[in-house]
Amino acid sequence: MKIDRNTLNVVHNQDAARFEIKTDAHLAVLDYRLRKKTIAFTHTGVPSELEGNGIGSLIVRAGLDYAREQDYKVLPLCSFVAAYIRRHPE
């Protein structure tokens, strides 16, 4: 399924401690745990129907932007987040 990334909106669902992207039938998530000034990203989940559209990268970028805005230390417990940080050190 081809998705236009420009039409997607990342929502920070603080009650669920995750970032979300919803499409008509699917939900992609970036789960985190927050402790003091450290945010631990624990899981990135993108439904197989949406893979290959850059949705994982889009949601991780939003989470990292939030961490930077809040001056949080990032703990990438999720392998996808760790790989994203290695590829995008900025």
PDB file of N, CA and C in Angstrom:
ATOM      1  N   MET A   1       0.848  -1.181   0.000  1.00  0.00           N
ATOM      2  CA  MET A   1       0.000   0.000   0.000  1.00  0.00           C
ATOM      3  C   MET A   1       0.893   1.244   0.000  1.00  0.00           C
ATOM      4  N   LYS A   2       0.738   2.065  -1.008  1.00  0.00           N
ATOM      5  CA  LYS A   2       1.521   3.295  -1.118  1.00  0.00           C
ATOM      6  C   LYS A   2       0.806   4.417  -0.370  1.00  0.00           C
ATOM      7  N   ILE A   3       1.545   5.117   0.488  1.00  0.00           N
ATOM      8  CA  ILE A   3       1.002   6.203   1.315  1.00  0.00           C
ATOM      9  C   ILE A   3       1.771   7.480   0.999  1.00  0.00           C
ATOM     10  N   ASP A   4       1.052   8.582   0.884  1.00  0.00           N
ATOM     11  CA  ASP A   4       1.692   9.893   0.730  1.00  0.00           C
ATOM     12  C   ASP A   4       2.046  10.409   2.117  1.00  0.00           C
ATOM     13  N   ARG A   5       3.349  10.412   2.438  1.00  0.00           N
ATOM     14  CA  ARG A   5       3.792  10.840   3.775  1.00  0.00           C
ATOM     15  C   ARG A   5       3.363  12.260   4.110  1.00  0.00           C
ATOM     16  N   ASN A   6       3.167  13.098   3.101  1.00  0.00           N
ATOM     17  CA  ASN A   6       2.781  14.486   3.341  1.00  0.00           C
ATOM     18  C   ASN A   6       1.370  14.604   3.909  1.00  0.00           C
ATOM     19  N   THR A   7       0.586  13.552   3.793  1.00  0.00           N
ATOM     20  CA  THR A   7      -0.787  13.599   4.311  1.00  0.00           C
ATOM     21  C   THR A   7      -0.890  13.033   5.728  1.00  0.00           C
ATOM     22  N   LEU A   8       0.226  12.535   6.258  1.00  0.00           N
ATOM     23  CA  LEU A   8       0.208  11.901   7.575  1.00  0.00           C
ATOM     24  C   LEU A   8       0.480  12.911   8.682  1.00  0.00           C
ATOM     25  N   ASN A   9      -0.145  12.673   9.802  1.00  0.00           N
ATOM     26  CA  ASN A   9      -0.001  13.534  10.962  1.00  0.00           C
ATOM     27  C   ASN A   9       0.457  12.695  12.150  1.00  0.00           C
ATOM     28  N   VAL A  10       1.572  13.081  12.768  1.00  0.00           N
ATOM     29  CA  VAL A  10       2.043  12.394  13.966  1.00  0.00           C
ATOM     30  C   VAL A  10       1.386  13.050  15.175  1.00  0.00           C
ATOM     31  N   VAL A  11       0.766  12.233  16.012  1.00  0.00           N
ATOM     32  CA  VAL A  11       0.079  12.696  17.217  1.00  0.00           C
ATOM     33  C   VAL A  11       0.852  12.189  18.429  1.00  0.00           C
ATOM     34  N   HIS A  12       1.095  13.082  19.380  1.00  0.00           N
ATOM     35  CA  HIS A  12       1.735  12.683  20.637  1.00  0.00           C
ATOM     36  C   HIS A  12       0.630  12.350  21.621  1.00  0.00           C
ATOM     37  N   ASN A  13       0.429  11.073  21.861  1.00  0.00           N
ATOM     38  CA  ASN A  13      -0.586  10.585  22.792  1.00  0.00           C
ATOM     39  C   ASN A  13       0.096  10.392  24.147  1.00  0.00           C
ATOM     40  N   GLN A  14       0.107  11.439  24.949  1.00  0.00           N
ATOM     41  CA  GLN A  14       0.821  11.396  26.225  1.00  0.00           C
ATOM     42  C   GLN A  14       0.188  10.412  27.201  1.00  0.00           C
ATOM     43  N   ASP A  15      -1.127  10.241  27.162  1.00  0.00           N
ATOM     44  CA  ASP A  15      -1.793   9.299  28.062  1.00  0.00           C
ATOM     45  C   ASP A  15      -1.318   7.864  27.817  1.00  0.00           C
ATOM     46  N   ALA A  16      -1.045   7.536  26.560  1.00  0.00           N
ATOM     47  CA  ALA A  16      -0.575   6.196  26.207  1.00  0.00           C
ATOM     48  C   ALA A  16       0.950   6.121  26.139  1.00  0.00           C
ATOM     49  N   ALA A  17       1.634   7.242  26.346  1.00  0.00           N
ATOM     50  CA  ALA A  17       3.101   7.331  26.269  1.00  0.00           C
ATOM     51  C   ALA A  17       3.612   6.819  24.931  1.00  0.00           C
ATOM     52  N   ARG A  18       3.079   7.429  23.866  1.00  0.00           N
ATOM     53  CA  ARG A  18       3.529   7.046  22.531  1.00  0.00           C
ATOM     54  C   ARG A  18       3.194   8.121  21.504  1.00  0.00           C
ATOM     55  N   PHE A  19       3.904   8.046  20.411  1.00  0.00           N
ATOM     56  CA  PHE A  19       3.612   8.845  19.241  1.00  0.00           C
ATOM     57  C   PHE A  19       2.858   7.934  18.275  1.00  0.00           C
ATOM     58  N   GLU A  20       1.884   8.494  17.555  1.00  0.00           N
ATOM     59  CA  GLU A  20       1.022   7.681  16.696  1.00  0.00           C
ATOM     60  C   GLU A  20       0.834   8.311  15.324  1.00  0.00           C
ATOM     61  N   ILE A  21       0.699   7.448  14.343  1.00  0.00           N
ATOM     62  CA  ILE A  21       0.250   7.843  13.009  1.00  0.00           C
ATOM     63  C   ILE A  21      -0.906   6.921  12.666  1.00  0.00           C
ATOM     64  N   LYS A  22      -2.066   7.507  12.417  1.00  0.00           N
ATOM     65  CA  LYS A  22      -3.250   6.725  12.069  1.00  0.00           C
ATOM     66  C   LYS A  22      -3.563   6.913  10.589  1.00  0.00           C
ATOM     67  N   THR A  23      -3.874   5.791   9.934  1.00  0.00           N
ATOM     68  CA  THR A  23      -4.427   5.836   8.587  1.00  0.00           C
ATOM     69  C   THR A  23      -5.849   5.300   8.702  1.00  0.00           C
ATOM     70  N   ASP A  24      -6.526   5.129   7.597  1.00  0.00           N
ATOM     71  CA  ASP A  24      -7.908   4.657   7.653  1.00  0.00           C
ATOM     72  C   ASP A  24      -8.061   3.372   8.461  1.00  0.00           C
ATOM     73  N   ALA A  25      -7.159   2.417   8.257  1.00  0.00           N
ATOM     74  CA  ALA A  25      -7.338   1.115   8.893  1.00  0.00           C
ATOM     75  C   ALA A  25      -6.159   0.682   9.763  1.00  0.00           C
ATOM     76  N   HIS A  26      -5.142   1.527   9.915  1.00  0.00           N
ATOM     77  CA  HIS A  26      -3.924   1.089  10.582  1.00  0.00           C
ATOM     78  C   HIS A  26      -3.417   2.137  11.568  1.00  0.00           C
ATOM     79  N   LEU A  27      -2.604   1.648  12.520  1.00  0.00           N
ATOM     80  CA  LEU A  27      -1.997   2.514  13.524  1.00  0.00           C
ATOM     81  C   LEU A  27      -0.523   2.150  13.649  1.00  0.00           C
ATOM     82  N   ALA A  28       0.349   3.120  13.431  1.00  0.00           N
ATOM     83  CA  ALA A  28       1.789   2.966  13.659  1.00  0.00           C
ATOM     84  C   ALA A  28       2.120   3.704  14.950  1.00  0.00           C
ATOM     85  N   VAL A  29       3.059   3.148  15.730  1.00  0.00           N
ATOM     86  CA  VAL A  29       3.344   3.729  17.045  1.00  0.00           C
ATOM     87  C   VAL A  29       4.844   3.769  17.340  1.00  0.00           C
ATOM     88  N   LEU A  30       5.204   4.703  18.181  1.00  0.00           N
ATOM     89  CA  LEU A  30       6.523   4.764  18.808  1.00  0.00           C
ATOM     90  C   LEU A  30       6.266   4.891  20.304  1.00  0.00           C
ATOM     91  N   ASP A  31       6.498   3.798  21.034  1.00  0.00           N
ATOM     92  CA  ASP A  31       6.263   3.773  22.477  1.00  0.00           C
ATOM     93  C   ASP A  31       7.488   4.293  23.220  1.00  0.00           C
ATOM     94  N   TYR A  32       7.236   4.917  24.361  1.00  0.00           N
ATOM     95  CA  TYR A  32       8.348   5.414  25.176  1.00  0.00           C
ATOM     96  C   TYR A  32       8.022   5.322  26.654  1.00  0.00           C
ATOM     97  N   ARG A  33       9.079   5.432  27.448  1.00  0.00           N
ATOM     98  CA  ARG A  33       8.963   5.579  28.906  1.00  0.00           C
ATOM     99  C   ARG A  33       9.727   6.838  29.276  1.00  0.00           C
ATOM    100  N   LEU A  34       9.157   7.605  30.157  1.00  0.00           N
ATOM    101  CA  LEU A  34       9.768   8.858  30.585  1.00  0.00           C
ATOM    102  C   LEU A  34      10.111   8.763  32.061  1.00  0.00           C
ATOM    103  N   ARG A  35      11.372   9.063  32.377  1.00  0.00           N
ATOM    104  CA  ARG A  35      11.806   9.081  33.774  1.00  0.00           C
ATOM    105  C   ARG A  35      12.701  10.296  33.954  1.00  0.00           C
ATOM    106  N   LYS A  36      12.211  11.231  34.747  1.00  0.00           N
ATOM    107  CA  LYS A  36      12.907  12.493  34.979  1.00  0.00           C
ATOM    108  C   LYS A  36      13.236  13.151  33.642  1.00  0.00           C
ATOM    109  N   LYS A  37      14.506  13.287  33.309  1.00  0.00           N
ATOM    110  CA  LYS A  37      14.898  13.969  32.065  1.00  0.00           C
ATOM    111  C   LYS A  37      15.410  12.992  31.009  1.00  0.00           C
ATOM    112  N   THR A  38      14.991  11.718  31.104  1.00  0.00           N
ATOM    113  CA  THR A  38      15.382  10.715  30.112  1.00  0.00           C
ATOM    114  C   THR A  38      14.137  10.128  29.478  1.00  0.00           C
ATOM    115  N   ILE A  39      14.139  10.050  28.149  1.00  0.00           N
ATOM    116  CA  ILE A  39      13.063   9.392  27.420  1.00  0.00           C
ATOM    117  C   ILE A  39      13.649   8.139  26.784  1.00  0.00           C
ATOM    118  N   ALA A  40      13.066   7.001  27.121  1.00  0.00           N
ATOM    119  CA  ALA A  40      13.505   5.721  26.582  1.00  0.00           C
ATOM    120  C   ALA A  40      12.503   5.287  25.519  1.00  0.00           C
ATOM    121  N   PHE A  41      12.955   5.201  24.284  1.00  0.00           N
ATOM    122  CA  PHE A  41      12.099   4.722  23.198  1.00  0.00           C
ATOM    123  C   PHE A  41      12.177   3.202  23.195  1.00  0.00           C
ATOM    124  N   THR A  42      11.035   2.552  23.425  1.00  0.00           N
ATOM    125  CA  THR A  42      11.022   1.111  23.685  1.00  0.00           C
ATOM    126  C   THR A  42      10.538   0.265  22.510  1.00  0.00           C
ATOM    127  N   HIS A  43       9.735   0.823  21.616  1.00  0.00           N
ATOM    128  CA  HIS A  43       9.174   0.011  20.533  1.00  0.00           C
ATOM    129  C   HIS A  43       8.660   0.901  19.410  1.00  0.00           C
ATOM    130  N   THR A  44       9.009   0.530  18.195  1.00  0.00           N
ATOM    131  CA  THR A  44       8.432   1.151  17.002  1.00  0.00           C
ATOM    132  C   THR A  44       7.625   0.075  16.299  1.00  0.00           C
ATOM    133  N   GLY A  45       6.364   0.351  16.048  1.00  0.00           N
ATOM    134  CA  GLY A  45       5.507  -0.622  15.376  1.00  0.00           C
ATOM    135  C   GLY A  45       4.819  -0.013  14.169  1.00  0.00           C
ATOM    136  N   VAL A  46       5.102  -0.589  13.011  1.00  0.00           N
ATOM    137  CA  VAL A  46       4.460  -0.161  11.766  1.00  0.00           C
ATOM    138  C   VAL A  46       3.800  -1.396  11.154  1.00  0.00           C
ATOM    139  N   PRO A  47       2.489  -1.362  10.926  1.00  0.00           N
ATOM    140  CA  PRO A  47       1.819  -2.521  10.325  1.00  0.00           C
ATOM    141  C   PRO A  47       2.465  -2.888   8.990  1.00  0.00           C
ATOM    142  N   SER A  48       2.530  -4.183   8.714  1.00  0.00           N
ATOM    143  CA  SER A  48       3.197  -4.651   7.496  1.00  0.00           C
ATOM    144  C   SER A  48       2.609  -4.027   6.234  1.00  0.00           C
ATOM    145  N   GLU A  49       1.322  -3.701   6.261  1.00  0.00           N
ATOM    146  CA  GLU A  49       0.681  -3.079   5.093  1.00  0.00           C
ATOM    147  C   GLU A  49       1.247  -1.689   4.793  1.00  0.00           C
ATOM    148  N   LEU A  50       1.852  -1.054   5.785  1.00  0.00           N
ATOM    149  CA  LEU A  50       2.375   0.307   5.617  1.00  0.00           C
ATOM    150  C   LEU A  50       3.888   0.354   5.461  1.00  0.00           C
ATOM    151  N   GLU A  51       4.563  -0.774   5.611  1.00  0.00           N
ATOM    152  CA  GLU A  51       6.021  -0.794   5.527  1.00  0.00           C
ATOM    153  C   GLU A  51       6.502  -0.309   4.166  1.00  0.00           C
ATOM    154  N   GLY A  52       7.673   0.308   4.168  1.00  0.00           N
ATOM    155  CA  GLY A  52       8.266   0.788   2.928  1.00  0.00           C
ATOM    156  C   GLY A  52       7.842   2.187   2.523  1.00  0.00           C
ATOM    157  N   ASN A  53       7.094   2.852   3.378  1.00  0.00           N
ATOM    158  CA  ASN A  53       6.625   4.216   3.099  1.00  0.00           C
ATOM    159  C   ASN A  53       7.340   5.266   3.937  1.00  0.00           C
ATOM    160  N   GLY A  54       8.317   4.856   4.745  1.00  0.00           N
ATOM    161  CA  GLY A  54       9.041   5.804   5.585  1.00  0.00           C
ATOM    162  C   GLY A  54       8.285   6.227   6.823  1.00  0.00           C
ATOM    163  N   ILE A  55       7.244   5.496   7.174  1.00  0.00           N
ATOM    164  CA  ILE A  55       6.420   5.865   8.327  1.00  0.00           C
ATOM    165  C   ILE A  55       7.188   5.680   9.628  1.00  0.00           C
ATOM    166  N   GLY A  56       7.977   4.621   9.728  1.00  0.00           N
ATOM    167  CA  GLY A  56       8.791   4.415  10.928  1.00  0.00           C
ATOM    168  C   GLY A  56       9.747   5.573  11.139  1.00  0.00           C
ATOM    169  N   SER A  57      10.412   5.997  10.079  1.00  0.00           N
ATOM    170  CA  SER A  57      11.342   7.126  10.184  1.00  0.00           C
ATOM    171  C   SER A  57      10.610   8.408  10.554  1.00  0.00           C
ATOM    172  N   LEU A  58       9.442   8.609   9.990  1.00  0.00           N
ATOM    173  CA  LEU A  58       8.662   9.816  10.269  1.00  0.00           C
ATOM    174  C   LEU A  58       8.266   9.892  11.749  1.00  0.00           C
ATOM    175  N   ILE A  59       7.832   8.786  12.297  1.00  0.00           N
ATOM    176  CA  ILE A  59       7.380   8.778  13.687  1.00  0.00           C
ATOM    177  C   ILE A  59       8.563   8.881  14.650  1.00  0.00           C
ATOM    178  N   VAL A  60       9.696   8.260  14.310  1.00  0.00           N
ATOM    179  CA  VAL A  60      10.892   8.367  15.151  1.00  0.00           C
ATOM    180  C   VAL A  60      11.424   9.791  15.123  1.00  0.00           C
ATOM    181  N   ARG A  61      11.439  10.423  13.959  1.00  0.00           N
ATOM    182  CA  ARG A  61      11.889  11.819  13.865  1.00  0.00           C
ATOM    183  C   ARG A  61      11.044  12.707  14.773  1.00  0.00           C
ATOM    184  N   ALA A  62       9.733  12.490  14.801  1.00  0.00           N
ATOM    185  CA  ALA A  62       8.847  13.283  15.668  1.00  0.00           C
ATOM    186  C   ALA A  62       9.194  13.059  17.139  1.00  0.00           C
ATOM    187  N   GLY A  63       9.452  11.814  17.511  1.00  0.00           N
ATOM    188  CA  GLY A  63       9.827  11.522  18.893  1.00  0.00           C
ATOM    189  C   GLY A  63      11.140  12.166  19.284  1.00  0.00           C
ATOM    190  N   LEU A  64      12.120  12.113  18.393  1.00  0.00           N
ATOM    191  CA  LEU A  64      13.417  12.726  18.666  1.00  0.00           C
ATOM    192  C   LEU A  64      13.324  14.249  18.707  1.00  0.00           C
ATOM    193  N   ASP A  65      12.502  14.822  17.837  1.00  0.00           N
ATOM    194  CA  ASP A  65      12.289  16.279  17.876  1.00  0.00           C
ATOM    195  C   ASP A  65      11.689  16.683  19.216  1.00  0.00           C
ATOM    196  N   TYR A  66      10.722  15.909  19.685  1.00  0.00           N
ATOM    197  CA  TYR A  66      10.104  16.189  20.988  1.00  0.00           C
ATOM    198  C   TYR A  66      11.155  16.106  22.097  1.00  0.00           C
ATOM    199  N   ALA A  67      11.988  15.068  22.069  1.00  0.00           N
ATOM    200  CA  ALA A  67      13.037  14.908  23.077  1.00  0.00           C
ATOM    201  C   ALA A  67      13.975  16.105  23.079  1.00  0.00           C
ATOM    202  N   ARG A  68      14.338  16.576  21.898  1.00  0.00           N
ATOM    203  CA  ARG A  68      15.227  17.739  21.789  1.00  0.00           C
ATOM    204  C   ARG A  68      14.543  18.988  22.354  1.00  0.00           C
ATOM    205  N   GLU A  69      13.275  19.190  22.018  1.00  0.00           N
ATOM    206  CA  GLU A  69      12.529  20.361  22.506  1.00  0.00           C
ATOM    207  C   GLU A  69      12.435  20.375  24.032  1.00  0.00           C
ATOM    208  N   GLN A  70      12.317  19.191  24.632  1.00  0.00           N
ATOM    209  CA  GLN A  70      12.171  19.077  26.090  1.00  0.00           C
ATOM    210  C   GLN A  70      13.513  18.946  26.801  1.00  0.00           C
ATOM    211  N   ASP A  71      14.592  18.914  26.021  1.00  0.00           N
ATOM    212  CA  ASP A  71      15.953  18.729  26.553  1.00  0.00           C
ATOM    213  C   ASP A  71      16.081  17.406  27.320  1.00  0.00           C
ATOM    214  N   TYR A  72      15.491  16.341  26.764  1.00  0.00           N
ATOM    215  CA  TYR A  72      15.573  15.009  27.348  1.00  0.00           C
ATOM    216  C   TYR A  72      16.797  14.270  26.817  1.00  0.00           C
ATOM    217  N   LYS A  73      17.393  13.457  27.648  1.00  0.00           N
ATOM    218  CA  LYS A  73      18.402  12.513  27.210  1.00  0.00           C
ATOM    219  C   LYS A  73      17.650  11.353  26.556  1.00  0.00           C
ATOM    220  N   VAL A  74      18.155  10.852  25.425  1.00  0.00           N
ATOM    221  CA  VAL A  74      17.482   9.784  24.685  1.00  0.00           C
ATOM    222  C   VAL A  74      18.158   8.452  24.971  1.00  0.00           C
ATOM    223  N   LEU A  75      17.342   7.464  25.305  1.00  0.00           N
ATOM    224  CA  LEU A  75      17.803   6.098  25.506  1.00  0.00           C
ATOM    225  C   LEU A  75      17.092   5.234  24.455  1.00  0.00           C
ATOM    226  N   PRO A  76      17.791   4.854  23.375  1.00  0.00           N
ATOM    227  CA  PRO A  76      17.152   4.113  22.280  1.00  0.00           C
ATOM    228  C   PRO A  76      17.132   2.606  22.550  1.00  0.00           C
ATOM    229  N   LEU A  77      16.162   2.124  23.310  1.00  0.00           N
ATOM    230  CA  LEU A  77      16.047   0.701  23.606  1.00  0.00           C
ATOM    231  C   LEU A  77      15.493  -0.086  22.420  1.00  0.00           C
ATOM    232  N   CYS A  78      14.828   0.575  21.520  1.00  0.00           N
ATOM    233  CA  CYS A  78      14.292  -0.032  20.307  1.00  0.00           C
ATOM    234  C   CYS A  78      15.384  -0.043  19.235  1.00  0.00           C
ATOM    235  N   SER A  79      15.600  -1.184  18.599  1.00  0.00           N
ATOM    236  CA  SER A  79      16.670  -1.290  17.596  1.00  0.00           C
ATOM    237  C   SER A  79      16.421  -0.381  16.398  1.00  0.00           C
ATOM    238  N   PHE A  80      15.162  -0.156  16.028  1.00  0.00           N
ATOM    239  CA  PHE A  80      14.872   0.727  14.901  1.00  0.00           C
ATOM    240  C   PHE A  80      15.276   2.158  15.234  1.00  0.00           C
ATOM    241  N   VAL A  81      14.978   2.606  16.450  1.00  0.00           N
ATOM    242  CA  VAL A  81      15.356   3.961  16.878  1.00  0.00           C
ATOM    243  C   VAL A  81      16.873   4.087  16.921  1.00  0.00           C
ATOM    244  N   ALA A  82      17.559   3.086  17.460  1.00  0.00           N
ATOM    245  CA  ALA A  82      19.024   3.108  17.527  1.00  0.00           C
ATOM    246  C   ALA A  82      19.630   3.209  16.123  1.00  0.00           C
ATOM    247  N   ALA A  83      19.096   2.428  15.179  1.00  0.00           N
ATOM    248  CA  ALA A  83      19.597   2.466  13.795  1.00  0.00           C
ATOM    249  C   ALA A  83      19.307   3.826  13.160  1.00  0.00           C
ATOM    250  N   TYR A  84      18.153   4.392  13.439  1.00  0.00           N
ATOM    251  CA  TYR A  84      17.809   5.708  12.881  1.00  0.00           C
ATOM    252  C   TYR A  84      18.812   6.754  13.384  1.00  0.00           C
ATOM    253  N   ILE A  85      19.131   6.713  14.664  1.00  0.00           N
ATOM    254  CA  ILE A  85      20.078   7.685  15.241  1.00  0.00           C
ATOM    255  C   ILE A  85      21.463   7.513  14.615  1.00  0.00           C
ATOM    256  N   ARG A  86      21.879   6.275  14.377  1.00  0.00           N
ATOM    257  CA  ARG A  86      23.178   6.053  13.733  1.00  0.00           C
ATOM    258  C   ARG A  86      23.194   6.626  12.318  1.00  0.00           C
ATOM    259  N   ARG A  87      22.078   6.479  11.593  1.00  0.00           N
ATOM    260  CA  ARG A  87      21.998   6.988  10.217  1.00  0.00           C
ATOM    261  C   ARG A  87      21.822   8.503  10.165  1.00  0.00           C
ATOM    262  N   HIS A  88      21.278   9.092  11.218  1.00  0.00           N
ATOM    263  CA  HIS A  88      20.975  10.536  11.260  1.00  0.00           C
ATOM    264  C   HIS A  88      21.536  11.124  12.567  1.00  0.00           C
ATOM    265  N   PRO A  89      22.838  11.264  12.673  1.00  0.00           N
ATOM    266  CA  PRO A  89      23.448  11.718  13.946  1.00  0.00           C
ATOM    267  C   PRO A  89      23.091  13.144  14.352  1.00  0.00           C
ATOM    268  N   GLU A  90      22.531  13.917  13.444  1.00  0.00           N
ATOM    269  CA  GLU A  90      22.182  15.290  13.792  1.00  0.00           C
ATOM    270  C   GLU A  90      21.099  15.294  14.837  1.00  0.00           C
TER     271      GLU A  90
END
